[in-house]
């Protein structure tokens, strides 16, 4: 359905575009899309300039792209009149992540299309407004036909008390239970597609003075797209130097059977997840079965693994 909507159905469905469009597009990671859907929609991603990476970066960063990016651009393209405005509930990571979000932050409908001006962003990541989900939620307001001008108004919503705000709350009730910090957003460096730095105006000015090269190099980490196979808990350390392990079947998007086995410890490493990181410390809560050859950056051959 999405493929037909994005690729074929916009133009004939509507006789004219709109002044205002509001919605909540689907949030689906690139790696979760079926292969046929990726191929069918690939030219749309390319035409809108949403694929900004090449080679190895594209294979890793591309997996972190979200279908909401494509929906936002396609709906602005097909549905909006010139000077029309669009308001979408989207993932806040599109403004903060390096690599996967670069193409989105061009805010331009491809090389020949209209520019898009970001009017305002509401950051509701801390509120987690969707029941049963821990998504990083934001609301984007943009206008078609004008270029984005920085700084962009950026409102950060925080809860006054712990606990979730009921989803049936009125706007006034939700407002009473939150405080809003009125920040500004600018690209973190001189490239307009770089991740956003968000703070109060005076703080942004101070932070820009101290930004420089880091001694650390960030990496994607252990990304398997099959977590339920490679995320491991240790059940027993035996005297014969073997370790009894079991895979964590409650993680990842795909269901796999639970397996218990005794293995050598050579490829097993402590694994720090996001929830394991606190202020000034990190404590691994599980283990990771690293079946990659670190020099060749490919998986160990099956016969070696069997041996």
C-alpha atoms as a PDB file:
ATOM      1  CA  UNK A   1       0.000   0.000   0.000  1.00  0.00           C
ATOM      2  CA  UNK A   2       2.765   2.437   0.950  1.00  0.00           C
ATOM      3  CA  UNK A   3       4.647   1.747  -2.258  1.00  0.00           C
ATOM      4  CA  UNK A   4       1.612   2.488  -4.421  1.00  0.00           C
ATOM      5  CA  UNK A   5       0.771   5.584  -2.399  1.00  0.00           C
ATOM      6  CA  UNK A   6       4.237   7.023  -2.699  1.00  0.00           C
ATOM      7  CA  UNK A   7       4.979   5.963  -6.255  1.00  0.00           C
ATOM      8  CA  UNK A   8       1.708   6.165  -8.179  1.00  0.00           C
ATOM      9  CA  UNK A   9      -1.357   7.357  -6.347  1.00  0.00           C
ATOM     10  CA  UNK A  10      -0.734  10.918  -5.193  1.00  0.00           C
ATOM     11  CA  UNK A  11      -1.357  12.759  -8.467  1.00  0.00           C
ATOM     12  CA  UNK A  12      -4.622  11.100  -9.603  1.00  0.00           C
ATOM     13  CA  UNK A  13      -6.202  11.096  -6.128  1.00  0.00           C
ATOM     14  CA  UNK A  14      -6.133  14.875  -5.717  1.00  0.00           C
ATOM     15  CA  UNK A  15      -7.228  17.532  -8.160  1.00  0.00           C
ATOM     16  CA  UNK A  16      -5.441  20.254  -6.244  1.00  0.00           C
ATOM     17  CA  UNK A  17      -2.979  20.548  -3.381  1.00  0.00           C
ATOM     18  CA  UNK A  18      -3.667  21.845   0.115  1.00  0.00           C
ATOM     19  CA  UNK A  19      -2.731  24.837   2.263  1.00  0.00           C
ATOM     20  CA  UNK A  20      -2.296  22.641   5.348  1.00  0.00           C
ATOM     21  CA  UNK A  21      -1.377  18.969   5.824  1.00  0.00           C
ATOM     22  CA  UNK A  22      -1.182  17.199   9.196  1.00  0.00           C
ATOM     23  CA  UNK A  23      -0.392  13.583   9.952  1.00  0.00           C
ATOM     24  CA  UNK A  24       1.615  10.848  11.612  1.00  0.00           C
ATOM     25  CA  UNK A  25       3.532   8.927   8.924  1.00  0.00           C
ATOM     26  CA  UNK A  26       4.691   5.326   9.474  1.00  0.00           C
ATOM     27  CA  UNK A  27       7.925   4.933  11.422  1.00  0.00           C
ATOM     28  CA  UNK A  28       9.728   1.934   9.940  1.00  0.00           C
ATOM     29  CA  UNK A  29      13.494   1.465   9.769  1.00  0.00           C
ATOM     30  CA  UNK A  30      15.060   0.725   6.381  1.00  0.00           C
ATOM     31  CA  UNK A  31      16.311  -2.672   7.549  1.00  0.00           C
ATOM     32  CA  UNK A  32      12.760  -3.673   8.486  1.00  0.00           C
ATOM     33  CA  UNK A  33      11.401  -3.085   4.982  1.00  0.00           C
ATOM     34  CA  UNK A  34      10.989  -6.045   2.660  1.00  0.00           C
ATOM     35  CA  UNK A  35      13.659  -6.303  -0.033  1.00  0.00           C
ATOM     36  CA  UNK A  36      11.097  -5.800  -2.809  1.00  0.00           C
ATOM     37  CA  UNK A  37       9.827  -2.641  -1.122  1.00  0.00           C
ATOM     38  CA  UNK A  38      13.367  -1.269  -0.836  1.00  0.00           C
ATOM     39  CA  UNK A  39      13.945  -1.821  -4.537  1.00  0.00           C
ATOM     40  CA  UNK A  40      10.560  -0.369  -5.475  1.00  0.00           C
ATOM     41  CA  UNK A  41      11.053   2.806  -3.458  1.00  0.00           C
ATOM     42  CA  UNK A  42      14.806   3.231  -3.968  1.00  0.00           C
ATOM     43  CA  UNK A  43      14.482   5.745  -6.802  1.00  0.00           C
ATOM     44  CA  UNK A  44      12.253   7.928  -4.602  1.00  0.00           C
ATOM     45  CA  UNK A  45      14.889   8.041  -1.850  1.00  0.00           C
ATOM     46  CA  UNK A  46      17.536   8.927  -4.425  1.00  0.00           C
ATOM     47  CA  UNK A  47      15.441  11.529  -6.263  1.00  0.00           C
ATOM     48  CA  UNK A  48      14.639  13.373  -3.047  1.00  0.00           C
ATOM     49  CA  UNK A  49      18.315  13.343  -2.015  1.00  0.00           C
ATOM     50  CA  UNK A  50      17.663  11.212   1.074  1.00  0.00           C
ATOM     51  CA  UNK A  51      20.514   8.802   0.337  1.00  0.00           C
ATOM     52  CA  UNK A  52      23.568  10.874   1.195  1.00  0.00           C
ATOM     53  CA  UNK A  53      26.005   8.066   2.034  1.00  0.00           C
ATOM     54  CA  UNK A  54      28.174   5.836  -0.126  1.00  0.00           C
ATOM     55  CA  UNK A  55      29.788   2.406   0.152  1.00  0.00           C
ATOM     56  CA  UNK A  56      30.253   0.946   3.638  1.00  0.00           C
ATOM     57  CA  UNK A  57      28.665   4.007   5.277  1.00  0.00           C
ATOM     58  CA  UNK A  58      25.557   3.524   3.163  1.00  0.00           C
ATOM     59  CA  UNK A  59      25.232  -0.111   4.208  1.00  0.00           C
ATOM     60  CA  UNK A  60      25.375   0.819   7.878  1.00  0.00           C
ATOM     61  CA  UNK A  61      23.850   4.296   7.941  1.00  0.00           C
ATOM     62  CA  UNK A  62      21.185   3.350   5.412  1.00  0.00           C
ATOM     63  CA  UNK A  63      19.836   0.834   7.892  1.00  0.00           C
ATOM     64  CA  UNK A  64      19.057   3.645  10.305  1.00  0.00           C
ATOM     65  CA  UNK A  65      16.947   5.611   7.850  1.00  0.00           C
ATOM     66  CA  UNK A  66      13.283   5.818   8.660  1.00  0.00           C
ATOM     67  CA  UNK A  67      10.325   5.606   6.288  1.00  0.00           C
ATOM     68  CA  UNK A  68       8.994   8.793   7.940  1.00  0.00           C
ATOM     69  CA  UNK A  69      11.727  10.689   6.076  1.00  0.00           C
ATOM     70  CA  UNK A  70      10.404   9.604   2.698  1.00  0.00           C
ATOM     71  CA  UNK A  71       6.768  10.194   3.664  1.00  0.00           C
ATOM     72  CA  UNK A  72       7.538  13.721   4.846  1.00  0.00           C
ATOM     73  CA  UNK A  73       9.230  14.663   1.575  1.00  0.00           C
ATOM     74  CA  UNK A  74       6.687  12.915  -0.666  1.00  0.00           C
ATOM     75  CA  UNK A  75       3.704  14.459   1.124  1.00  0.00           C
ATOM     76  CA  UNK A  76       5.247  17.935   1.000  1.00  0.00           C
ATOM     77  CA  UNK A  77       5.928  17.407  -2.702  1.00  0.00           C
ATOM     78  CA  UNK A  78       2.527  16.070  -3.748  1.00  0.00           C
ATOM     79  CA  UNK A  79       0.078  17.464  -1.193  1.00  0.00           C
ATOM     80  CA  UNK A  80       1.266  21.008  -0.422  1.00  0.00           C
ATOM     81  CA  UNK A  81       0.580  24.170  -2.372  1.00  0.00           C
ATOM     82  CA  UNK A  82       3.409  26.708  -2.642  1.00  0.00           C
ATOM     83  CA  UNK A  83       3.685  28.373   0.789  1.00  0.00           C
ATOM     84  CA  UNK A  84       1.589  25.519   2.218  1.00  0.00           C
ATOM     85  CA  UNK A  85       2.510  24.117   5.637  1.00  0.00           C
ATOM     86  CA  UNK A  86       2.916  20.540   6.820  1.00  0.00           C
ATOM     87  CA  UNK A  87       2.852  19.298  10.417  1.00  0.00           C
ATOM     88  CA  UNK A  88       4.045  15.738  11.039  1.00  0.00           C
ATOM     89  CA  UNK A  89       4.718  13.614  14.098  1.00  0.00           C
ATOM     90  CA  UNK A  90       8.112  12.104  13.331  1.00  0.00           C
ATOM     91  CA  UNK A  91      11.119  10.628  15.080  1.00  0.00           C
ATOM     92  CA  UNK A  92      13.350  13.156  16.839  1.00  0.00           C
ATOM     93  CA  UNK A  93      16.451  11.239  15.715  1.00  0.00           C
ATOM     94  CA  UNK A  94      16.098  12.767  12.231  1.00  0.00           C
ATOM     95  CA  UNK A  95      17.457  16.019  13.673  1.00  0.00           C
ATOM     96  CA  UNK A  96      20.197  14.530  15.831  1.00  0.00           C
ATOM     97  CA  UNK A  97      21.779  11.550  14.056  1.00  0.00           C
ATOM     98  CA  UNK A  98      24.847  11.880  11.871  1.00  0.00           C
ATOM     99  CA  UNK A  99      24.847   9.977   8.574  1.00  0.00           C
ATOM    100  CA  UNK A 100      21.332   8.589   8.265  1.00  0.00           C
ATOM    101  CA  UNK A 101      19.678  11.974   8.810  1.00  0.00           C
ATOM    102  CA  UNK A 102      22.008  14.058   6.611  1.00  0.00           C
ATOM    103  CA  UNK A 103      19.888  13.787   3.482  1.00  0.00           C
ATOM    104  CA  UNK A 104      16.717  14.677   5.377  1.00  0.00           C
ATOM    105  CA  UNK A 105      18.345  17.814   6.787  1.00  0.00           C
ATOM    106  CA  UNK A 106      18.932  19.152   3.281  1.00  0.00           C
ATOM    107  CA  UNK A 107      15.285  20.264   3.474  1.00  0.00           C
ATOM    108  CA  UNK A 108      15.073  20.360  -0.302  1.00  0.00           C
ATOM    109  CA  UNK A 109      12.946  18.169  -2.584  1.00  0.00           C
ATOM    110  CA  UNK A 110      15.781  16.783  -4.674  1.00  0.00           C
ATOM    111  CA  UNK A 111      17.969  18.858  -6.962  1.00  0.00           C
ATOM    112  CA  UNK A 112      15.184  20.485  -8.987  1.00  0.00           C
ATOM    113  CA  UNK A 113      12.327  20.615  -6.475  1.00  0.00           C
ATOM    114  CA  UNK A 114      11.191  23.139  -3.897  1.00  0.00           C
ATOM    115  CA  UNK A 115      13.084  24.044  -0.740  1.00  0.00           C
ATOM    116  CA  UNK A 116      11.428  23.344   2.617  1.00  0.00           C
ATOM    117  CA  UNK A 117      11.592  25.783   5.502  1.00  0.00           C
ATOM    118  CA  UNK A 118      11.485  24.294   8.998  1.00  0.00           C
ATOM    119  CA  UNK A 119       9.259  26.653  10.985  1.00  0.00           C
ATOM    120  CA  UNK A 120       9.329  24.916  14.369  1.00  0.00           C
ATOM    121  CA  UNK A 121      10.174  21.625  16.098  1.00  0.00           C
ATOM    122  CA  UNK A 122       8.659  20.305  19.330  1.00  0.00           C
ATOM    123  CA  UNK A 123      10.919  17.737  21.005  1.00  0.00           C
ATOM    124  CA  UNK A 124       8.759  15.345  23.056  1.00  0.00           C
ATOM    125  CA  UNK A 125      11.269  12.510  23.386  1.00  0.00           C
ATOM    126  CA  UNK A 126      11.184  12.678  27.179  1.00  0.00           C
ATOM    127  CA  UNK A 127       7.379  12.575  27.299  1.00  0.00           C
ATOM    128  CA  UNK A 128       7.104   9.325  25.297  1.00  0.00           C
ATOM    129  CA  UNK A 129       3.509  10.183  24.383  1.00  0.00           C
ATOM    130  CA  UNK A 130       2.694   6.914  22.613  1.00  0.00           C
ATOM    131  CA  UNK A 131       1.429   4.242  24.999  1.00  0.00           C
ATOM    132  CA  UNK A 132       3.518   1.060  24.934  1.00  0.00           C
ATOM    133  CA  UNK A 133       6.285   2.632  22.831  1.00  0.00           C
ATOM    134  CA  UNK A 134       9.611   4.249  23.701  1.00  0.00           C
ATOM    135  CA  UNK A 135      10.073   6.172  20.456  1.00  0.00           C
ATOM    136  CA  UNK A 136      11.844   9.516  20.335  1.00  0.00           C
ATOM    137  CA  UNK A 137       8.864  11.674  19.363  1.00  0.00           C
ATOM    138  CA  UNK A 138       8.976  15.125  17.761  1.00  0.00           C
ATOM    139  CA  UNK A 139       6.584  17.369  15.850  1.00  0.00           C
ATOM    140  CA  UNK A 140       7.891  19.075  12.722  1.00  0.00           C
ATOM    141  CA  UNK A 141       6.253  22.122  11.121  1.00  0.00           C
ATOM    142  CA  UNK A 142       7.595  23.097   7.698  1.00  0.00           C
ATOM    143  CA  UNK A 143       6.629  25.363   4.811  1.00  0.00           C
ATOM    144  CA  UNK A 144       7.019  24.581   1.125  1.00  0.00           C
ATOM    145  CA  UNK A 145       8.826  26.975  -1.186  1.00  0.00           C
ATOM    146  CA  UNK A 146      11.262  28.703   1.194  1.00  0.00           C
ATOM    147  CA  UNK A 147      14.701  27.672   2.403  1.00  0.00           C
ATOM    148  CA  UNK A 148      15.306  26.812   6.060  1.00  0.00           C
ATOM    149  CA  UNK A 149      16.841  29.686   8.002  1.00  0.00           C
ATOM    150  CA  UNK A 150      18.824  29.094  11.175  1.00  0.00           C
ATOM    151  CA  UNK A 151      18.392  29.253  14.073  1.00  0.00           C
ATOM    152  CA  UNK A 152      15.158  27.243  14.053  1.00  0.00           C
ATOM    153  CA  UNK A 153      12.770  27.591  17.046  1.00  0.00           C
ATOM    154  CA  UNK A 154      12.999  24.335  19.030  1.00  0.00           C
ATOM    155  CA  UNK A 155      10.788  23.621  22.048  1.00  0.00           C
ATOM    156  CA  UNK A 156      11.900  20.908  24.473  1.00  0.00           C
ATOM    157  CA  UNK A 157       9.066  19.364  26.513  1.00  0.00           C
ATOM    158  CA  UNK A 158       9.817  17.911  29.958  1.00  0.00           C
ATOM    159  CA  UNK A 159       7.561  16.298  32.559  1.00  0.00           C
ATOM    160  CA  UNK A 160       7.174  18.065  35.907  1.00  0.00           C
ATOM    161  CA  UNK A 161       6.673  14.757  37.736  1.00  0.00           C
ATOM    162  CA  UNK A 162       7.653  11.150  37.050  1.00  0.00           C
ATOM    163  CA  UNK A 163       5.312   8.751  35.303  1.00  0.00           C
ATOM    164  CA  UNK A 164       3.520   8.798  31.972  1.00  0.00           C
ATOM    165  CA  UNK A 165       1.007  11.481  31.054  1.00  0.00           C
ATOM    166  CA  UNK A 166      -2.287   9.691  30.225  1.00  0.00           C
ATOM    167  CA  UNK A 167      -2.959   9.589  26.486  1.00  0.00           C
ATOM    168  CA  UNK A 168      -6.553  10.742  27.052  1.00  0.00           C
ATOM    169  CA  UNK A 169      -5.315  14.016  28.596  1.00  0.00           C
ATOM    170  CA  UNK A 170      -6.463  17.259  27.016  1.00  0.00           C
ATOM    171  CA  UNK A 171      -3.898  19.705  25.671  1.00  0.00           C
ATOM    172  CA  UNK A 172      -4.423  21.897  28.746  1.00  0.00           C
ATOM    173  CA  UNK A 173      -3.912  18.954  31.112  1.00  0.00           C
ATOM    174  CA  UNK A 174      -0.757  17.895  29.295  1.00  0.00           C
ATOM    175  CA  UNK A 175       0.504  21.479  29.340  1.00  0.00           C
ATOM    176  CA  UNK A 176      -0.083  21.716  33.097  1.00  0.00           C
ATOM    177  CA  UNK A 177       2.005  18.571  33.681  1.00  0.00           C
ATOM    178  CA  UNK A 178       4.976  19.710  31.588  1.00  0.00           C
ATOM    179  CA  UNK A 179       7.450  22.535  31.327  1.00  0.00           C
ATOM    180  CA  UNK A 180       8.690  23.785  27.970  1.00  0.00           C
ATOM    181  CA  UNK A 181      12.162  25.156  27.300  1.00  0.00           C
ATOM    182  CA  UNK A 182      12.309  27.439  24.294  1.00  0.00           C
ATOM    183  CA  UNK A 183      15.587  26.604  22.597  1.00  0.00           C
ATOM    184  CA  UNK A 184      17.098  27.272  19.210  1.00  0.00           C
ATOM    185  CA  UNK A 185      18.569  24.722  16.789  1.00  0.00           C
ATOM    186  CA  UNK A 186      21.572  25.185  14.503  1.00  0.00           C
ATOM    187  CA  UNK A 187      23.800  22.736  12.581  1.00  0.00           C
ATOM    188  CA  UNK A 188      26.593  21.569  14.848  1.00  0.00           C
ATOM    189  CA  UNK A 189      29.245  22.556  12.278  1.00  0.00           C
ATOM    190  CA  UNK A 190      29.401  24.614   9.101  1.00  0.00           C
ATOM    191  CA  UNK A 191      27.624  21.984   6.996  1.00  0.00           C
ATOM    192  CA  UNK A 192      23.861  22.661   6.842  1.00  0.00           C
ATOM    193  CA  UNK A 193      23.131  18.913   6.784  1.00  0.00           C
ATOM    194  CA  UNK A 194      25.033  18.175  10.001  1.00  0.00           C
ATOM    195  CA  UNK A 195      23.180  17.155  13.186  1.00  0.00           C
ATOM    196  CA  UNK A 196      21.501  19.899  15.161  1.00  0.00           C
ATOM    197  CA  UNK A 197      22.847  21.562  18.256  1.00  0.00           C
ATOM    198  CA  UNK A 198      19.922  22.616  20.468  1.00  0.00           C
ATOM    199  CA  UNK A 199      20.205  25.007  23.408  1.00  0.00           C
ATOM    200  CA  UNK A 200      19.329  28.497  24.550  1.00  0.00           C
ATOM    201  CA  UNK A 201      20.739  31.243  22.281  1.00  0.00           C
ATOM    202  CA  UNK A 202      23.517  32.312  24.682  1.00  0.00           C
ATOM    203  CA  UNK A 203      24.512  28.714  25.313  1.00  0.00           C
ATOM    204  CA  UNK A 204      24.690  27.988  21.564  1.00  0.00           C
ATOM    205  CA  UNK A 205      27.061  30.917  21.129  1.00  0.00           C
ATOM    206  CA  UNK A 206      29.306  29.566  23.898  1.00  0.00           C
ATOM    207  CA  UNK A 207      29.182  25.981  22.640  1.00  0.00           C
ATOM    208  CA  UNK A 208      30.115  26.986  19.102  1.00  0.00           C
ATOM    209  CA  UNK A 209      33.338  28.480  20.449  1.00  0.00           C
ATOM    210  CA  UNK A 210      34.496  25.206  21.977  1.00  0.00           C
ATOM    211  CA  UNK A 211      33.438  22.779  19.238  1.00  0.00           C
ATOM    212  CA  UNK A 212      36.411  21.051  17.667  1.00  0.00           C
ATOM    213  CA  UNK A 213      37.895  17.692  16.728  1.00  0.00           C
ATOM    214  CA  UNK A 214      37.391  14.884  19.209  1.00  0.00           C
ATOM    215  CA  UNK A 215      40.049  12.413  20.264  1.00  0.00           C
ATOM    216  CA  UNK A 216      37.380   9.717  20.046  1.00  0.00           C
ATOM    217  CA  UNK A 217      36.029   8.222  16.852  1.00  0.00           C
ATOM    218  CA  UNK A 218      32.395   7.167  17.006  1.00  0.00           C
ATOM    219  CA  UNK A 219      31.348   3.878  15.388  1.00  0.00           C
ATOM    220  CA  UNK A 220      28.082   2.085  14.840  1.00  0.00           C
ATOM    221  CA  UNK A 221      29.060  -0.717  17.214  1.00  0.00           C
ATOM    222  CA  UNK A 222      27.857  -4.298  17.009  1.00  0.00           C
ATOM    223  CA  UNK A 223      24.916  -4.137  14.607  1.00  0.00           C
ATOM    224  CA  UNK A 224      23.655  -7.559  13.498  1.00  0.00           C
ATOM    225  CA  UNK A 225      19.974  -6.956  12.625  1.00  0.00           C
ATOM    226  CA  UNK A 226      19.470 -10.368  14.248  1.00  0.00           C
ATOM    227  CA  UNK A 227      19.914  -9.554  17.934  1.00  0.00           C
ATOM    228  CA  UNK A 228      18.030 -12.591  19.207  1.00  0.00           C
ATOM    229  CA  UNK A 229      20.793 -14.818  17.800  1.00  0.00           C
ATOM    230  CA  UNK A 230      23.891 -12.924  18.928  1.00  0.00           C
ATOM    231  CA  UNK A 231      22.845 -11.394  22.254  1.00  0.00           C
ATOM    232  CA  UNK A 232      23.757 -13.946  24.912  1.00  0.00           C
ATOM    233  CA  UNK A 233      23.403 -14.635  28.620  1.00  0.00           C
ATOM    234  CA  UNK A 234      25.897 -16.849  30.442  1.00  0.00           C
ATOM    235  CA  UNK A 235      24.295 -19.602  32.498  1.00  0.00           C
ATOM    236  CA  UNK A 236      27.358 -21.496  33.720  1.00  0.00           C
ATOM    237  CA  UNK A 237      31.168 -21.431  33.534  1.00  0.00           C
ATOM    238  CA  UNK A 238      32.356 -25.039  33.454  1.00  0.00           C
ATOM    239  CA  UNK A 239      35.653 -26.456  34.666  1.00  0.00           C
ATOM    240  CA  UNK A 240      36.543 -27.684  31.136  1.00  0.00           C
ATOM    241  CA  UNK A 241      36.815 -24.030  29.991  1.00  0.00           C
ATOM    242  CA  UNK A 242      33.473 -24.173  28.206  1.00  0.00           C
ATOM    243  CA  UNK A 243      30.664 -21.702  28.902  1.00  0.00           C
ATOM    244  CA  UNK A 244      26.991 -22.634  28.887  1.00  0.00           C
ATOM    245  CA  UNK A 245      25.067 -19.883  27.105  1.00  0.00           C
ATOM    246  CA  UNK A 246      21.542 -19.076  25.982  1.00  0.00           C
ATOM    247  CA  UNK A 247      20.399 -16.537  23.385  1.00  0.00           C
ATOM    248  CA  UNK A 248      18.055 -13.689  24.341  1.00  0.00           C
ATOM    249  CA  UNK A 249      14.906 -14.300  22.363  1.00  0.00           C
ATOM    250  CA  UNK A 250      13.048 -11.252  23.714  1.00  0.00           C
ATOM    251  CA  UNK A 251      15.170  -8.769  21.731  1.00  0.00           C
ATOM    252  CA  UNK A 252      15.162  -7.930  18.040  1.00  0.00           C
ATOM    253  CA  UNK A 253      12.353  -7.792  15.512  1.00  0.00           C
ATOM    254  CA  UNK A 254      12.483 -11.418  14.315  1.00  0.00           C
ATOM    255  CA  UNK A 255      11.434 -14.411  16.375  1.00  0.00           C
ATOM    256  CA  UNK A 256      14.035 -17.183  16.717  1.00  0.00           C
ATOM    257  CA  UNK A 257      14.089 -20.336  18.877  1.00  0.00           C
ATOM    258  CA  UNK A 258      15.826 -20.308  22.250  1.00  0.00           C
ATOM    259  CA  UNK A 259      19.046 -22.345  22.152  1.00  0.00           C
ATOM    260  CA  UNK A 260      21.202 -23.494  25.079  1.00  0.00           C
ATOM    261  CA  UNK A 261      24.699 -24.801  24.383  1.00  0.00           C
ATOM    262  CA  UNK A 262      28.250 -25.062  25.715  1.00  0.00           C
ATOM    263  CA  UNK A 263      30.806 -23.099  23.679  1.00  0.00           C
ATOM    264  CA  UNK A 264      34.387 -21.875  23.877  1.00  0.00           C
ATOM    265  CA  UNK A 265      34.641 -18.325  25.291  1.00  0.00           C
ATOM    266  CA  UNK A 266      36.886 -17.002  22.486  1.00  0.00           C
ATOM    267  CA  UNK A 267      34.168 -15.089  20.588  1.00  0.00           C
ATOM    268  CA  UNK A 268      32.107 -13.977  23.578  1.00  0.00           C
ATOM    269  CA  UNK A 269      32.422 -10.362  24.755  1.00  0.00           C
ATOM    270  CA  UNK A 270      30.726  -8.232  27.431  1.00  0.00           C
ATOM    271  CA  UNK A 271      28.027  -6.130  25.767  1.00  0.00           C
ATOM    272  CA  UNK A 272      26.989  -2.680  26.957  1.00  0.00           C
ATOM    273  CA  UNK A 273      23.477  -1.642  25.935  1.00  0.00           C
ATOM    274  CA  UNK A 274      21.980   1.830  26.175  1.00  0.00           C
ATOM    275  CA  UNK A 275      20.227   1.033  29.441  1.00  0.00           C
ATOM    276  CA  UNK A 276      23.574  -0.093  30.942  1.00  0.00           C
ATOM    277  CA  UNK A 277      25.113   3.371  30.698  1.00  0.00           C
ATOM    278  CA  UNK A 278      24.781   5.742  33.625  1.00  0.00           C
ATOM    279  CA  UNK A 279      26.557   8.829  34.827  1.00  0.00           C
ATOM    280  CA  UNK A 280      30.290   8.092  35.007  1.00  0.00           C
ATOM    281  CA  UNK A 281      29.850   4.348  34.604  1.00  0.00           C
ATOM    282  CA  UNK A 282      28.791   1.563  32.288  1.00  0.00           C
ATOM    283  CA  UNK A 283      28.102  -2.022  33.339  1.00  0.00           C
ATOM    284  CA  UNK A 284      27.482  -4.769  30.780  1.00  0.00           C
ATOM    285  CA  UNK A 285      24.220  -6.599  31.423  1.00  0.00           C
ATOM    286  CA  UNK A 286      24.698  -9.282  28.781  1.00  0.00           C
ATOM    287  CA  UNK A 287      27.192 -10.725  26.301  1.00  0.00           C
ATOM    288  CA  UNK A 288      27.663 -10.644  22.560  1.00  0.00           C
ATOM    289  CA  UNK A 289      28.705 -13.481  20.262  1.00  0.00           C
ATOM    290  CA  UNK A 290      31.097 -11.750  17.838  1.00  0.00           C
ATOM    291  CA  UNK A 291      31.366 -14.011  14.792  1.00  0.00           C
ATOM    292  CA  UNK A 292      33.160 -11.473  12.587  1.00  0.00           C
ATOM    293  CA  UNK A 293      36.781 -11.636  11.500  1.00  0.00           C
ATOM    294  CA  UNK A 294      38.004  -8.251  12.822  1.00  0.00           C
ATOM    295  CA  UNK A 295      40.685  -7.951  10.137  1.00  0.00           C
ATOM    296  CA  UNK A 296      38.608  -8.931   7.100  1.00  0.00           C
ATOM    297  CA  UNK A 297      35.372  -7.409   8.491  1.00  0.00           C
ATOM    298  CA  UNK A 298      33.385 -10.399   7.281  1.00  0.00           C
ATOM    299  CA  UNK A 299      31.927 -13.404   9.096  1.00  0.00           C
ATOM    300  CA  UNK A 300      34.148 -16.335   9.952  1.00  0.00           C
ATOM    301  CA  UNK A 301      33.772 -19.204   7.493  1.00  0.00           C
ATOM    302  CA  UNK A 302      31.179 -21.797   8.476  1.00  0.00           C
ATOM    303  CA  UNK A 303      33.712 -24.648   8.597  1.00  0.00           C
ATOM    304  CA  UNK A 304      35.873 -22.648  11.040  1.00  0.00           C
ATOM    305  CA  UNK A 305      32.893 -21.942  13.238  1.00  0.00           C
ATOM    306  CA  UNK A 306      31.931 -25.619  13.272  1.00  0.00           C
ATOM    307  CA  UNK A 307      35.468 -26.621  14.239  1.00  0.00           C
END
